Amino acid sequence: MNETKPGPNLMKPNYFFGNIVSKTTSIFLFCLVSSFVLGTCKENQSYPETDSLPYFSGKDFDPIWTKVPNESPGLHQIPEGFKLTNHLGNQIQLREHSPKISLVVFFYATCRGICPMITKNIIQIEPQLSEFKDLEISSISINPKEDTPAVLSKYRTLYKIQNPNWNFYTGELLAIESFAKTTCGAEVEGFSVEKNKYEFVHTENIFLFDGNKYLRGIYRAKGTGDIQRLVADLRILTK
């Protein structure tokens, strides 16, 4: 990503004779404008910071560091009105549901590939996640037609999940696919022999959203390296 660092064009002192009042006024106005510009740049800086997590912008998910995300258009955020139904049959709007930090993963109940691995990896780090008391985990099915609340409830029981903040969701297929592709960048396609076409399949990634539902991190569920990075990033986000 190419960035241009903003900065004022410094005025050279005028050593020629002229109107003293005019020169003083010009210098005053210059200082006033410079202070405003520099202050604004500092507030909206997009340079890497070690003590905060980035936001993500645009189709390329460029990392952006800013103190005022609502003034930065194009940041990835859970869309308003995105409706889901959890394993208990309760309908919620994911963005408006809770102001808590959350992890989002995609799966489906009959998956025999990476879904069990993702679920088991999250279970394995639950002791570490327990330090984040308000952390929510949202496992969203990409096969909502078959993954009814009853099926999701059985899946949760199968893995002996007791965490009340870990919900399994079903919903409207197109809305889920749009959220996965547009907000999370989970645009993965696989060939369906049954349907004889390529269609959306789930990603192995875990997505971290802050309390305002902005995307703040993406992590691979395979292995333990990225999982440990996730825990470290949660500590930064909750400090």
Protein backbone atom coordinates (compact mmCIF):
# COMPACT_ATOMS: atom_id res chain seq x y z
CA MET A 1 0.00 0.00 0.00
CA ASN A 2 1.46 3.34 -1.01
CA GLU A 3 1.10 6.08 1.52
CA THR A 4 1.87 9.76 1.25
CA LYS A 5 2.83 11.35 4.52
CA PRO A 6 1.00 14.64 4.85
CA GLY A 7 2.95 17.70 5.83
CA PRO A 8 2.90 21.45 5.35
CA ASN A 9 4.97 23.27 2.76
CA LEU A 10 7.28 25.30 4.97
CA MET A 11 7.29 29.02 4.20
CA LYS A 12 10.63 30.70 3.74
CA PRO A 13 11.18 33.87 5.81
CA ASN A 14 10.64 37.08 3.85
CA TYR A 15 13.70 39.25 4.27
CA PHE A 16 12.52 41.94 1.87
CA PHE A 17 11.10 45.20 3.15
CA GLY A 18 7.35 45.30 3.27
CA ASN A 19 4.37 45.81 5.42
CA ILE A 20 5.14 44.48 8.92
CA VAL A 21 1.49 43.90 9.73
CA SER A 22 0.93 41.92 6.56
CA LYS A 23 3.92 39.67 7.26
CA THR A 24 2.85 39.07 10.85
CA THR A 25 -0.66 38.17 9.77
CA SER A 26 0.66 35.73 7.17
CA ILE A 27 2.89 34.00 9.70
CA PHE A 28 0.04 33.75 12.18
CA LEU A 29 -2.28 32.20 9.62
CA PHE A 30 0.41 29.77 8.51
CA CYS A 31 1.04 28.60 12.07
CA LEU A 32 -2.68 28.21 12.68
CA VAL A 33 -3.22 26.10 9.56
CA SER A 34 -0.08 24.03 10.22
CA SER A 35 -1.19 23.22 13.74
CA PHE A 36 -4.59 22.09 12.47
CA VAL A 37 -3.13 19.94 9.69
CA LEU A 38 -0.52 18.29 11.89
CA GLY A 39 -3.03 17.64 14.63
CA THR A 40 -5.45 16.07 12.19
CA CYS A 41 -2.76 13.88 10.68
CA LYS A 42 -1.70 12.66 14.09
CA GLU A 43 -5.28 11.82 15.02
CA ASN A 44 -5.95 9.94 11.79
CA GLN A 45 -2.52 8.38 11.34
CA SER A 46 -2.34 5.07 9.48
CA TYR A 47 1.21 4.11 10.39
CA PRO A 48 1.90 0.73 12.07
CA GLU A 49 1.62 0.76 15.84
CA THR A 50 2.93 -1.94 18.16
CA ASP A 51 0.47 -1.26 20.96
CA SER A 52 -2.77 -1.43 18.96
CA LEU A 53 -4.38 -3.62 16.31
CA PRO A 54 -5.12 -2.41 12.79
CA TYR A 55 -8.46 -2.04 11.08
CA PHE A 56 -8.84 -3.37 7.55
CA SER A 57 -9.86 -1.32 4.54
CA GLY A 58 -10.97 -1.95 0.97
CA LYS A 59 -11.05 -5.06 -1.17
CA ASP A 60 -7.37 -5.76 -0.46
CA PHE A 61 -7.86 -5.58 3.32
CA ASP A 62 -5.16 -2.96 3.74
CA PRO A 63 -4.25 -2.51 7.44
CA ILE A 64 -5.16 0.92 8.81
CA TRP A 65 -4.23 2.33 12.21
CA THR A 66 -6.59 5.09 13.31
CA LYS A 67 -8.06 6.55 16.50
CA VAL A 68 -11.31 7.49 14.76
CA PRO A 69 -12.51 4.51 12.68
CA ASN A 70 -15.93 6.05 12.11
CA GLU A 71 -14.19 8.79 10.10
CA SER A 72 -12.38 6.28 7.89
CA PRO A 73 -14.70 5.03 5.12
CA GLY A 74 -14.35 1.53 3.78
CA LEU A 75 -13.32 -0.24 6.97
CA HIS A 76 -14.58 -3.80 7.30
CA GLN A 77 -17.36 -4.05 9.85
CA ILE A 78 -20.23 -6.44 10.55
CA PRO A 79 -23.14 -4.99 8.53
CA GLU A 80 -26.21 -3.58 10.20
CA GLY A 81 -29.25 -5.84 10.23
CA PHE A 82 -27.30 -9.06 9.66
CA LYS A 83 -29.77 -11.56 11.16
CA LEU A 84 -28.90 -15.00 12.49
CA THR A 85 -30.63 -17.66 14.60
CA ASN A 86 -28.66 -19.47 17.29
CA HIS A 87 -28.74 -23.08 18.44
CA LEU A 88 -31.47 -22.22 20.96
CA GLY A 89 -33.72 -20.81 18.25
CA ASN A 90 -33.19 -17.19 19.28
CA GLN A 91 -32.90 -14.67 16.44
CA ILE A 92 -30.34 -11.90 16.81
CA GLN A 93 -28.70 -9.19 14.73
CA LEU A 94 -25.00 -9.91 14.97
CA ARG A 95 -23.81 -6.30 14.93
CA GLU A 96 -26.44 -4.94 17.30
CA HIS A 97 -26.62 -8.02 19.54
CA SER A 98 -23.77 -7.22 21.91
CA PRO A 99 -20.97 -4.66 22.37
CA LYS A 100 -18.52 -7.43 23.20
CA ILE A 101 -15.35 -8.52 21.42
CA SER A 102 -16.05 -11.62 19.33
CA LEU A 103 -14.46 -14.37 17.28
CA VAL A 104 -16.22 -15.54 14.12
CA VAL A 105 -15.65 -18.85 12.37
CA PHE A 106 -17.49 -20.57 9.50
CA PHE A 107 -18.42 -24.25 9.50
CA TYR A 108 -21.21 -26.72 8.85
CA ALA A 109 -22.35 -29.62 11.02
CA THR A 110 -21.72 -32.48 8.58
CA CYS A 111 -18.23 -31.26 7.65
CA ARG A 112 -15.56 -33.92 8.06
CA GLY A 113 -12.64 -31.73 7.02
CA ILE A 114 -11.37 -28.65 8.80
CA CYS A 115 -14.52 -27.90 10.82
CA PRO A 116 -13.79 -30.41 13.59
CA MET A 117 -10.18 -29.19 13.66
CA ILE A 118 -11.26 -25.55 14.06
CA THR A 119 -13.74 -26.45 16.79
CA LYS A 120 -11.20 -28.60 18.65
CA ASN A 121 -8.50 -25.92 18.42
CA ILE A 122 -10.81 -23.35 19.97
CA ILE A 123 -11.73 -25.84 22.70
CA GLN A 124 -8.02 -26.42 23.39
CA ILE A 125 -7.32 -22.72 23.93
CA GLU A 126 -10.45 -22.09 26.01
CA PRO A 127 -8.36 -22.06 29.21
CA GLN A 128 -6.37 -19.16 27.76
CA LEU A 129 -9.50 -17.49 26.43
CA SER A 130 -11.05 -17.64 29.89
CA GLU A 131 -9.11 -14.52 30.88
CA PHE A 132 -11.32 -12.59 28.45
CA LYS A 133 -14.56 -12.83 30.40
CA ASP A 134 -16.77 -11.07 27.84
CA LEU A 135 -15.37 -12.72 24.72
CA GLU A 136 -18.04 -14.15 22.42
CA ILE A 137 -17.50 -16.91 19.88
CA SER A 138 -19.81 -17.16 16.87
CA SER A 139 -19.71 -20.31 14.75
CA ILE A 140 -21.76 -19.55 11.63
CA SER A 141 -23.04 -22.34 9.39
CA ILE A 142 -22.61 -22.02 5.63
CA ASN A 143 -25.20 -24.79 5.20
CA PRO A 144 -28.13 -23.12 6.95
CA LYS A 145 -30.79 -25.11 5.09
CA GLU A 146 -29.72 -28.30 6.85
CA ASP A 147 -28.14 -26.82 9.97
CA THR A 148 -31.30 -26.02 11.90
CA PRO A 149 -31.16 -24.89 15.54
CA ALA A 150 -31.78 -28.51 16.60
CA VAL A 151 -28.85 -29.76 14.48
CA LEU A 152 -26.59 -27.01 15.83
CA SER A 153 -27.59 -27.85 19.38
CA LYS A 154 -26.66 -31.50 18.82
CA TYR A 155 -23.32 -30.42 17.30
CA ARG A 156 -22.60 -28.30 20.37
CA THR A 157 -23.45 -31.24 22.62
CA LEU A 158 -21.26 -33.59 20.55
CA TYR A 159 -18.21 -31.44 21.34
CA LYS A 160 -19.29 -30.95 24.97
CA ILE A 161 -19.24 -27.19 24.64
CA GLN A 162 -20.38 -25.55 27.88
CA ASN A 163 -19.28 -21.97 27.26
CA PRO A 164 -22.48 -19.83 27.34
CA ASN A 165 -20.75 -17.20 25.18
CA TRP A 166 -20.12 -19.66 22.33
CA ASN A 167 -23.11 -19.64 19.99
CA PHE A 168 -23.73 -21.63 16.84
CA TYR A 169 -25.75 -19.83 14.18
CA THR A 170 -27.83 -20.53 11.12
CA GLY A 171 -29.49 -17.97 8.87
CA GLU A 172 -30.19 -16.91 5.31
CA LEU A 173 -27.64 -18.41 2.91
CA LEU A 174 -27.06 -15.38 0.70
CA ALA A 175 -26.66 -13.06 3.70
CA ILE A 176 -24.13 -15.42 5.28
CA GLU A 177 -22.16 -15.77 2.04
CA SER A 178 -22.14 -12.00 1.54
CA PHE A 179 -20.88 -11.44 5.08
CA ALA A 180 -18.21 -14.12 4.71
CA LYS A 181 -16.94 -12.82 1.38
CA THR A 182 -17.34 -9.06 1.72
CA THR A 183 -16.66 -8.44 5.41
CA CYS A 184 -14.28 -11.30 6.19
CA GLY A 185 -12.64 -11.92 2.84
CA ALA A 186 -13.47 -15.62 3.09
CA GLU A 187 -13.96 -15.96 -0.66
CA VAL A 188 -13.12 -19.63 -1.06
CA GLU A 189 -14.78 -21.79 -3.70
CA GLY A 190 -14.91 -25.55 -4.08
CA PHE A 191 -16.35 -27.80 -6.75
CA SER A 192 -19.60 -29.52 -5.81
CA VAL A 193 -19.91 -32.88 -7.58
CA GLU A 194 -23.56 -33.07 -6.55
CA LYS A 195 -24.40 -29.68 -8.07
CA ASN A 196 -21.76 -29.86 -10.83
CA LYS A 197 -20.55 -26.32 -10.18
CA TYR A 198 -18.18 -24.26 -8.08
CA GLU A 199 -19.75 -22.79 -4.96
CA PHE A 200 -18.76 -21.03 -1.78
CA VAL A 201 -17.12 -23.19 0.89
CA HIS A 202 -15.91 -22.14 4.30
CA THR A 203 -12.44 -20.91 5.18
CA GLU A 204 -10.19 -22.22 7.93
CA ASN A 205 -9.66 -18.72 9.33
CA ILE A 206 -10.79 -17.22 12.60
CA PHE A 207 -11.89 -13.57 12.47
CA LEU A 208 -11.53 -11.14 15.38
CA PHE A 209 -14.04 -8.29 15.76
CA ASP A 210 -13.87 -5.54 18.38
CA GLY A 211 -16.76 -4.24 20.49
CA ASN A 212 -17.84 -1.91 17.68
CA LYS A 213 -17.84 -4.90 15.31
CA TYR A 214 -14.86 -3.78 13.23
CA LEU A 215 -12.61 -6.52 11.86
CA ARG A 216 -9.28 -6.37 13.74
CA GLY A 217 -7.50 -9.63 12.99
CA ILE A 218 -7.47 -12.78 10.82
CA TYR A 219 -5.85 -16.02 12.00
CA ARG A 220 -5.32 -19.51 10.61
CA ALA A 221 -6.92 -22.20 12.74
CA LYS A 222 -4.43 -24.86 11.62
CA GLY A 223 -1.52 -25.43 13.97
CA THR A 224 -0.87 -23.36 17.08
CA GLY A 225 1.22 -20.43 15.85
CA ASP A 226 -1.62 -18.19 14.76
CA ILE A 227 -3.76 -19.30 17.69
CA GLN A 228 -1.14 -17.96 20.08
CA ARG A 229 -0.98 -14.74 18.07
CA LEU A 230 -4.76 -14.48 18.46
CA VAL A 231 -4.44 -14.71 22.25
CA ALA A 232 -1.72 -12.05 22.22
CA ASP A 233 -3.87 -9.76 20.07
CA LEU A 234 -6.83 -10.23 22.39
CA ARG A 235 -4.66 -8.99 25.22
CA ILE A 236 -3.82 -5.88 23.21
CA LEU A 237 -7.45 -5.28 22.31
CA THR A 238 -8.69 -5.67 25.89
CA LYS A 239 -5.97 -3.78 27.73
